[in-house]
Amino acid sequence: MNDTILKFGYPATLIREYEHWVVLLRPAQLTLGSLVLAARSDATDFGSLSPAAFAELKQATADIAAALGSAVAHEKLNYLMLMMVDPHVHFHVFPRYEGSRDAAGVTLADQSWPGPPDLSKGRKLEQGELEALASWLKGHWPA
């Protein structure tokens, strides 16, 4: 695994593994169900990913939409690809909704709704919260 994936807590935060991608629970939750979708390769430029990684991205994003739709009934999904601090190809995925959502003992409001997400408002999860939320979210993942 590349350093970016490890920085986001792999394997403890792992929700789903694909051949070319991993889906991780974001340790700092901006909205309930915030994720990191990270390429398993060492690519630091989106255009450098393999054709197979691009093809599999369709399945990973469809699964994310289905899982988060079931789990938090989001109104929008925001994918942010910044790669300014963590260089390997990855997206921050934020389910967006009006109001708040709760699961596994964690309640989070979308404080920026309906505007752009404010990354400074993320809530860093305690280890027990991280484990409980990851387990809960895995239960919503498509088979």
N, C-alpha and C. Protein backbone atom coordinates (compact mmCIF):
# COMPACT_ATOMS: atom_id res chain seq x y z
N MET A 1 0.84 -1.19 0.00
CA MET A 1 0.00 0.00 0.00
C MET A 1 0.88 1.24 0.00
N ASN A 2 0.43 2.28 -0.68
CA ASN A 2 1.21 3.51 -0.72
C ASN A 2 1.06 4.29 0.59
N ASP A 3 1.90 5.30 0.77
CA ASP A 3 1.93 6.07 2.01
C ASP A 3 0.63 6.82 2.27
N THR A 4 -0.04 7.26 1.23
CA THR A 4 -1.30 7.98 1.41
C THR A 4 -2.35 7.06 2.02
N ILE A 5 -2.45 5.85 1.53
CA ILE A 5 -3.41 4.88 2.07
C ILE A 5 -3.08 4.60 3.54
N LEU A 6 -1.82 4.41 3.83
CA LEU A 6 -1.41 4.14 5.21
C LEU A 6 -1.72 5.33 6.13
N LYS A 7 -1.53 6.54 5.62
CA LYS A 7 -1.79 7.73 6.43
C LYS A 7 -3.25 7.82 6.84
N PHE A 8 -4.14 7.34 5.99
CA PHE A 8 -5.56 7.39 6.31
C PHE A 8 -6.02 6.16 7.11
N GLY A 9 -5.07 5.47 7.73
CA GLY A 9 -5.41 4.46 8.73
C GLY A 9 -5.57 3.03 8.27
N TYR A 10 -5.22 2.74 7.02
CA TYR A 10 -5.29 1.35 6.54
C TYR A 10 -4.39 0.48 7.41
N PRO A 11 -4.81 -0.68 7.82
CA PRO A 11 -6.03 -1.41 7.47
C PRO A 11 -7.22 -1.16 8.41
N ALA A 12 -7.03 -0.45 9.50
CA ALA A 12 -8.11 -0.25 10.49
C ALA A 12 -9.31 0.47 9.89
N THR A 13 -9.11 1.36 8.90
CA THR A 13 -10.20 2.14 8.33
C THR A 13 -10.78 1.52 7.06
N LEU A 14 -10.30 0.36 6.67
CA LEU A 14 -10.72 -0.27 5.42
C LEU A 14 -12.21 -0.61 5.43
N ILE A 15 -12.90 -0.15 4.41
CA ILE A 15 -14.30 -0.49 4.19
C ILE A 15 -14.42 -1.53 3.09
N ARG A 16 -13.69 -1.31 1.98
CA ARG A 16 -13.76 -2.24 0.85
C ARG A 16 -12.47 -2.17 0.03
N GLU A 17 -12.00 -3.31 -0.40
CA GLU A 17 -10.82 -3.40 -1.26
C GLU A 17 -11.25 -3.83 -2.65
N TYR A 18 -10.71 -3.16 -3.64
CA TYR A 18 -10.87 -3.54 -5.04
C TYR A 18 -9.48 -3.84 -5.58
N GLU A 19 -9.39 -4.31 -6.80
CA GLU A 19 -8.08 -4.62 -7.36
C GLU A 19 -7.20 -3.37 -7.45
N HIS A 20 -7.78 -2.24 -7.86
CA HIS A 20 -7.00 -1.02 -8.09
C HIS A 20 -7.29 0.11 -7.10
N TRP A 21 -8.27 -0.06 -6.22
CA TRP A 21 -8.73 1.00 -5.32
C TRP A 21 -9.00 0.43 -3.93
N VAL A 22 -8.94 1.28 -2.94
CA VAL A 22 -9.44 0.95 -1.60
C VAL A 22 -10.38 2.06 -1.17
N VAL A 23 -11.38 1.68 -0.40
CA VAL A 23 -12.30 2.64 0.20
C VAL A 23 -12.05 2.60 1.69
N LEU A 24 -11.72 3.76 2.25
CA LEU A 24 -11.39 3.88 3.67
C LEU A 24 -12.37 4.82 4.34
N LEU A 25 -12.68 4.54 5.60
CA LEU A 25 -13.43 5.50 6.39
C LEU A 25 -12.49 6.65 6.72
N ARG A 26 -12.92 7.86 6.45
CA ARG A 26 -12.07 9.02 6.71
C ARG A 26 -12.00 9.24 8.22
N PRO A 27 -10.80 9.21 8.81
CA PRO A 27 -10.68 9.36 10.27
C PRO A 27 -11.25 10.67 10.81
N ALA A 28 -11.22 11.72 10.01
CA ALA A 28 -11.86 12.99 10.38
C ALA A 28 -13.15 13.09 9.57
N GLN A 29 -14.26 12.85 10.23
CA GLN A 29 -15.55 12.85 9.56
C GLN A 29 -16.08 14.28 9.42
N LEU A 30 -16.27 14.70 8.18
CA LEU A 30 -16.86 16.00 7.92
C LEU A 30 -18.38 15.88 7.95
N THR A 31 -18.87 14.85 7.31
CA THR A 31 -20.27 14.45 7.37
C THR A 31 -20.27 12.95 7.65
N LEU A 32 -21.36 12.43 8.15
CA LEU A 32 -21.41 11.02 8.51
C LEU A 32 -21.20 10.15 7.26
N GLY A 33 -20.23 9.28 7.32
CA GLY A 33 -19.91 8.41 6.19
C GLY A 33 -18.85 8.97 5.28
N SER A 34 -18.12 9.98 5.71
CA SER A 34 -17.03 10.53 4.89
C SER A 34 -15.99 9.45 4.63
N LEU A 35 -15.55 9.36 3.38
CA LEU A 35 -14.65 8.29 2.95
C LEU A 35 -13.42 8.86 2.25
N VAL A 36 -12.45 7.98 2.04
CA VAL A 36 -11.33 8.23 1.14
C VAL A 36 -11.32 7.10 0.13
N LEU A 37 -11.35 7.45 -1.14
CA LEU A 37 -11.24 6.49 -2.23
C LEU A 37 -9.84 6.66 -2.80
N ALA A 38 -8.98 5.67 -2.58
CA ALA A 38 -7.56 5.81 -2.92
C ALA A 38 -7.10 4.75 -3.91
N ALA A 39 -6.34 5.20 -4.89
CA ALA A 39 -5.74 4.27 -5.84
C ALA A 39 -4.63 3.49 -5.14
N ARG A 40 -4.55 2.21 -5.41
CA ARG A 40 -3.55 1.36 -4.78
C ARG A 40 -2.16 1.55 -5.40
N SER A 41 -2.10 2.18 -6.54
CA SER A 41 -0.82 2.36 -7.23
C SER A 41 -0.01 3.47 -6.58
N ASP A 42 1.19 3.66 -7.06
CA ASP A 42 2.04 4.75 -6.58
C ASP A 42 1.88 6.02 -7.43
N ALA A 43 0.86 6.06 -8.29
CA ALA A 43 0.65 7.22 -9.16
C ALA A 43 0.37 8.47 -8.34
N THR A 44 0.97 9.57 -8.76
CA THR A 44 0.73 10.86 -8.12
C THR A 44 0.04 11.83 -9.09
N ASP A 45 -0.37 11.32 -10.23
CA ASP A 45 -1.08 12.11 -11.23
C ASP A 45 -2.26 11.28 -11.71
N PHE A 46 -3.44 11.83 -11.68
CA PHE A 46 -4.66 11.10 -12.04
C PHE A 46 -4.54 10.48 -13.43
N GLY A 47 -3.98 11.21 -14.36
CA GLY A 47 -3.83 10.72 -15.72
C GLY A 47 -2.84 9.59 -15.88
N SER A 48 -2.08 9.31 -14.85
CA SER A 48 -1.10 8.23 -14.91
C SER A 48 -1.66 6.87 -14.49
N LEU A 49 -2.91 6.84 -14.04
CA LEU A 49 -3.50 5.56 -13.66
C LEU A 49 -3.68 4.67 -14.88
N SER A 50 -3.70 3.39 -14.65
CA SER A 50 -3.87 2.43 -15.74
C SER A 50 -5.31 2.46 -16.25
N PRO A 51 -5.51 2.04 -17.51
CA PRO A 51 -6.88 1.92 -18.02
C PRO A 51 -7.75 1.02 -17.14
N ALA A 52 -7.15 -0.02 -16.59
CA ALA A 52 -7.92 -0.92 -15.71
C ALA A 52 -8.37 -0.21 -14.44
N ALA A 53 -7.55 0.67 -13.91
CA ALA A 53 -7.93 1.43 -12.72
C ALA A 53 -9.09 2.38 -13.05
N PHE A 54 -9.02 3.02 -14.22
CA PHE A 54 -10.13 3.90 -14.62
C PHE A 54 -11.41 3.10 -14.81
N ALA A 55 -11.32 1.92 -15.40
CA ALA A 55 -12.51 1.10 -15.62
C ALA A 55 -13.11 0.68 -14.27
N GLU A 56 -12.27 0.31 -13.33
CA GLU A 56 -12.77 -0.14 -12.03
C GLU A 56 -13.33 1.02 -11.19
N LEU A 57 -12.90 2.24 -11.49
CA LEU A 57 -13.41 3.41 -10.78
C LEU A 57 -14.93 3.51 -10.90
N LYS A 58 -15.48 3.10 -12.04
CA LYS A 58 -16.93 3.13 -12.23
C LYS A 58 -17.62 2.25 -11.20
N GLN A 59 -17.11 1.05 -10.98
CA GLN A 59 -17.72 0.14 -10.00
C GLN A 59 -17.56 0.67 -8.58
N ALA A 60 -16.38 1.16 -8.26
CA ALA A 60 -16.13 1.68 -6.90
C ALA A 60 -17.06 2.85 -6.59
N THR A 61 -17.22 3.78 -7.54
CA THR A 61 -18.08 4.93 -7.28
C THR A 61 -19.56 4.55 -7.23
N ALA A 62 -19.96 3.57 -8.03
CA ALA A 62 -21.34 3.08 -7.97
C ALA A 62 -21.61 2.43 -6.61
N ASP A 63 -20.65 1.66 -6.12
CA ASP A 63 -20.80 1.02 -4.80
C ASP A 63 -20.85 2.06 -3.69
N ILE A 64 -20.02 3.09 -3.80
CA ILE A 64 -20.02 4.16 -2.80
C ILE A 64 -21.40 4.84 -2.78
N ALA A 65 -21.92 5.18 -3.94
CA ALA A 65 -23.23 5.83 -4.01
C ALA A 65 -24.32 4.96 -3.40
N ALA A 66 -24.30 3.67 -3.71
CA ALA A 66 -25.32 2.76 -3.17
C ALA A 66 -25.19 2.62 -1.66
N ALA A 67 -23.97 2.42 -1.18
CA ALA A 67 -23.76 2.22 0.26
C ALA A 67 -24.12 3.46 1.05
N LEU A 68 -23.65 4.62 0.62
CA LEU A 68 -23.94 5.85 1.35
C LEU A 68 -25.41 6.25 1.21
N GLY A 69 -26.02 5.94 0.08
CA GLY A 69 -27.45 6.19 -0.08
C GLY A 69 -28.25 5.41 0.93
N SER A 70 -27.90 4.16 1.11
CA SER A 70 -28.56 3.31 2.09
C SER A 70 -28.25 3.74 3.52
N ALA A 71 -27.01 4.10 3.76
CA ALA A 71 -26.56 4.38 5.13
C ALA A 71 -27.00 5.75 5.63
N VAL A 72 -26.85 6.78 4.82
CA VAL A 72 -27.11 8.14 5.30
C VAL A 72 -28.13 8.92 4.47
N ALA A 73 -28.66 8.32 3.42
CA ALA A 73 -29.65 8.98 2.57
C ALA A 73 -29.15 10.37 2.16
N HIS A 74 -27.96 10.40 1.58
CA HIS A 74 -27.38 11.68 1.15
C HIS A 74 -28.20 12.30 0.03
N GLU A 75 -28.08 13.62 -0.08
CA GLU A 75 -28.74 14.33 -1.17
C GLU A 75 -27.77 14.57 -2.32
N LYS A 76 -26.50 14.68 -2.01
CA LYS A 76 -25.43 14.84 -3.00
C LYS A 76 -24.20 14.10 -2.50
N LEU A 77 -23.30 13.78 -3.41
CA LEU A 77 -21.99 13.24 -3.05
C LEU A 77 -20.95 14.19 -3.61
N ASN A 78 -20.03 14.62 -2.78
CA ASN A 78 -18.93 15.46 -3.23
C ASN A 78 -17.65 14.64 -3.24
N TYR A 79 -16.95 14.64 -4.36
CA TYR A 79 -15.64 14.01 -4.50
C TYR A 79 -14.61 15.12 -4.67
N LEU A 80 -13.67 15.19 -3.75
CA LEU A 80 -12.62 16.19 -3.85
C LEU A 80 -11.28 15.49 -4.06
N MET A 81 -10.57 15.87 -5.11
CA MET A 81 -9.25 15.33 -5.38
C MET A 81 -8.28 16.50 -5.28
N LEU A 82 -7.58 16.57 -4.17
CA LEU A 82 -6.71 17.71 -3.94
C LEU A 82 -5.23 17.34 -4.05
N MET A 83 -4.80 16.30 -3.38
CA MET A 83 -3.44 15.75 -3.45
C MET A 83 -2.36 16.79 -3.20
N MET A 84 -2.63 17.73 -2.32
CA MET A 84 -1.63 18.75 -1.99
C MET A 84 -0.72 18.29 -0.86
N VAL A 85 -1.26 17.58 0.10
CA VAL A 85 -0.48 17.09 1.24
C VAL A 85 -0.12 15.63 1.04
N ASP A 86 -1.09 14.84 0.64
CA ASP A 86 -0.91 13.40 0.42
C ASP A 86 -0.85 13.18 -1.09
N PRO A 87 0.33 12.80 -1.61
CA PRO A 87 0.56 12.89 -3.06
C PRO A 87 -0.08 11.83 -3.94
N HIS A 88 -0.42 10.67 -3.40
CA HIS A 88 -0.93 9.60 -4.26
C HIS A 88 -2.40 9.86 -4.62
N VAL A 89 -2.80 9.36 -5.77
CA VAL A 89 -4.15 9.61 -6.28
C VAL A 89 -5.19 9.13 -5.28
N HIS A 90 -6.03 10.06 -4.85
CA HIS A 90 -7.13 9.72 -3.95
C HIS A 90 -8.18 10.82 -3.98
N PHE A 91 -9.38 10.45 -3.61
CA PHE A 91 -10.50 11.38 -3.49
C PHE A 91 -10.97 11.37 -2.04
N HIS A 92 -11.41 12.52 -1.56
CA HIS A 92 -12.16 12.59 -0.32
C HIS A 92 -13.62 12.58 -0.76
N VAL A 93 -14.41 11.72 -0.16
CA VAL A 93 -15.81 11.55 -0.55
C VAL A 93 -16.68 11.99 0.63
N PHE A 94 -17.54 12.98 0.36
CA PHE A 94 -18.40 13.52 1.41
C PHE A 94 -19.86 13.38 1.01
N PRO A 95 -20.61 12.56 1.76
CA PRO A 95 -22.05 12.57 1.54
C PRO A 95 -22.60 13.89 2.07
N ARG A 96 -23.45 14.53 1.31
CA ARG A 96 -23.97 15.85 1.69
C ARG A 96 -25.47 15.73 1.93
N TYR A 97 -25.93 16.42 2.95
CA TYR A 97 -27.33 16.34 3.34
C TYR A 97 -27.68 17.55 4.19
N GLU A 98 -28.96 17.86 4.21
CA GLU A 98 -29.44 18.92 5.09
C GLU A 98 -29.71 18.30 6.46
N GLY A 99 -29.32 18.99 7.51
CA GLY A 99 -29.56 18.49 8.86
C GLY A 99 -28.43 17.62 9.36
N SER A 100 -28.78 16.64 10.19
CA SER A 100 -27.75 15.76 10.76
C SER A 100 -28.14 14.31 10.53
N ARG A 101 -27.16 13.45 10.69
CA ARG A 101 -27.34 12.00 10.59
C ARG A 101 -26.62 11.37 11.76
N ASP A 102 -27.09 10.19 12.18
CA ASP A 102 -26.41 9.49 13.27
C ASP A 102 -26.40 7.99 13.02
N ALA A 103 -25.32 7.38 13.48
CA ALA A 103 -25.16 5.93 13.39
C ALA A 103 -24.00 5.52 14.29
N ALA A 104 -24.09 4.36 14.85
CA ALA A 104 -23.00 3.77 15.65
C ALA A 104 -22.51 4.73 16.73
N GLY A 105 -23.42 5.50 17.30
CA GLY A 105 -23.05 6.41 18.37
C GLY A 105 -22.42 7.72 17.92
N VAL A 106 -22.41 7.97 16.63
CA VAL A 106 -21.82 9.20 16.08
C VAL A 106 -22.93 10.01 15.40
N THR A 107 -23.05 11.28 15.76
CA THR A 107 -24.01 12.19 15.13
C THR A 107 -23.24 13.34 14.51
N LEU A 108 -23.53 13.60 13.23
CA LEU A 108 -22.85 14.69 12.53
C LEU A 108 -23.83 15.46 11.67
N ALA A 109 -23.76 16.78 11.78
CA ALA A 109 -24.52 17.67 10.90
C ALA A 109 -23.62 18.05 9.72
N ASP A 110 -24.25 18.33 8.60
CA ASP A 110 -23.52 18.87 7.46
C ASP A 110 -23.51 20.38 7.66
N GLN A 111 -22.47 20.87 8.31
CA GLN A 111 -22.40 22.27 8.73
C GLN A 111 -22.29 23.25 7.57
N SER A 112 -21.92 22.78 6.41
CA SER A 112 -21.73 23.68 5.26
C SER A 112 -22.87 23.63 4.26
N TRP A 113 -23.86 22.76 4.50
CA TRP A 113 -24.96 22.60 3.55
C TRP A 113 -25.67 23.92 3.36
N PRO A 114 -25.99 24.34 2.16
CA PRO A 114 -25.79 23.66 0.89
C PRO A 114 -24.55 24.15 0.13
N GLY A 115 -23.63 24.79 0.81
CA GLY A 115 -22.43 25.31 0.16
C GLY A 115 -21.33 24.27 0.05
N PRO A 116 -20.16 24.69 -0.40
CA PRO A 116 -19.02 23.78 -0.51
C PRO A 116 -18.61 23.27 0.86
N PRO A 117 -18.07 22.06 0.93
CA PRO A 117 -17.65 21.52 2.24
C PRO A 117 -16.50 22.34 2.83
N ASP A 118 -16.56 22.53 4.13
CA ASP A 118 -15.50 23.24 4.86
C ASP A 118 -14.66 22.18 5.56
N LEU A 119 -13.51 21.86 4.99
CA LEU A 119 -12.68 20.77 5.50
C LEU A 119 -12.17 21.01 6.91
N SER A 120 -12.18 22.24 7.37
CA SER A 120 -11.70 22.53 8.72
C SER A 120 -12.68 22.09 9.80
N LYS A 121 -13.88 21.70 9.41
CA LYS A 121 -14.91 21.33 10.38
C LYS A 121 -14.99 19.82 10.64
N GLY A 122 -14.04 19.05 10.14
CA GLY A 122 -14.05 17.61 10.35
C GLY A 122 -13.87 17.24 11.81
N ARG A 123 -14.53 16.17 12.21
CA ARG A 123 -14.42 15.67 13.58
C ARG A 123 -13.59 14.39 13.58
N LYS A 124 -12.44 14.44 14.26
CA LYS A 124 -11.58 13.27 14.35
C LYS A 124 -12.22 12.25 15.27
N LEU A 125 -12.40 11.05 14.77
CA LEU A 125 -13.05 9.99 15.54
C LEU A 125 -12.09 9.35 16.54
N GLU A 126 -12.63 8.99 17.68
CA GLU A 126 -11.90 8.16 18.64
C GLU A 126 -11.83 6.75 18.07
N GLN A 127 -10.89 5.93 18.55
CA GLN A 127 -10.70 4.59 18.00
C GLN A 127 -11.98 3.75 18.05
N GLY A 128 -12.69 3.79 19.17
CA GLY A 128 -13.93 3.02 19.29
C GLY A 128 -15.00 3.49 18.32
N GLU A 129 -15.09 4.80 18.12
CA GLU A 129 -16.04 5.34 17.15
C GLU A 129 -15.67 4.93 15.74
N LEU A 130 -14.39 4.96 15.44
CA LEU A 130 -13.89 4.58 14.12
C LEU A 130 -14.26 3.13 13.82
N GLU A 131 -14.01 2.25 14.76
CA GLU A 131 -14.32 0.83 14.57
C GLU A 131 -15.81 0.60 14.41
N ALA A 132 -16.62 1.24 15.25
CA ALA A 132 -18.07 1.06 15.19
C ALA A 132 -18.64 1.60 13.88
N LEU A 133 -18.19 2.77 13.47
CA LEU A 133 -18.69 3.37 12.24
C LEU A 133 -18.25 2.57 11.01
N ALA A 134 -17.02 2.08 11.01
CA ALA A 134 -16.54 1.26 9.90
C ALA A 134 -17.36 -0.03 9.79
N SER A 135 -17.60 -0.66 10.90
CA SER A 135 -18.39 -1.90 10.91
C SER A 135 -19.80 -1.64 10.40
N TRP A 136 -20.42 -0.55 10.86
CA TRP A 136 -21.76 -0.19 10.43
C TRP A 136 -21.81 0.06 8.92
N LEU A 137 -20.82 0.80 8.40
CA LEU A 137 -20.81 1.14 7.00
C LEU A 137 -20.55 -0.08 6.11
N LYS A 138 -19.70 -0.98 6.57
CA LYS A 138 -19.45 -2.22 5.80
C LYS A 138 -20.76 -2.99 5.60
N GLY A 139 -21.65 -2.91 6.57
CA GLY A 139 -22.93 -3.61 6.47
C GLY A 139 -23.85 -3.04 5.39
N HIS A 140 -23.56 -1.85 4.92
CA HIS A 140 -24.36 -1.22 3.86
C HIS A 140 -23.75 -1.42 2.48
N TRP A 141 -22.56 -2.05 2.41
CA TRP A 141 -21.86 -2.17 1.13
C TRP A 141 -22.54 -3.19 0.25
N PRO A 142 -22.68 -2.89 -1.04
CA PRO A 142 -23.28 -3.87 -1.97
C PRO A 142 -22.45 -5.15 -2.02
N ALA A 143 -23.13 -6.25 -2.21
CA ALA A 143 -22.45 -7.57 -2.23
C ALA A 143 -21.49 -7.70 -3.39
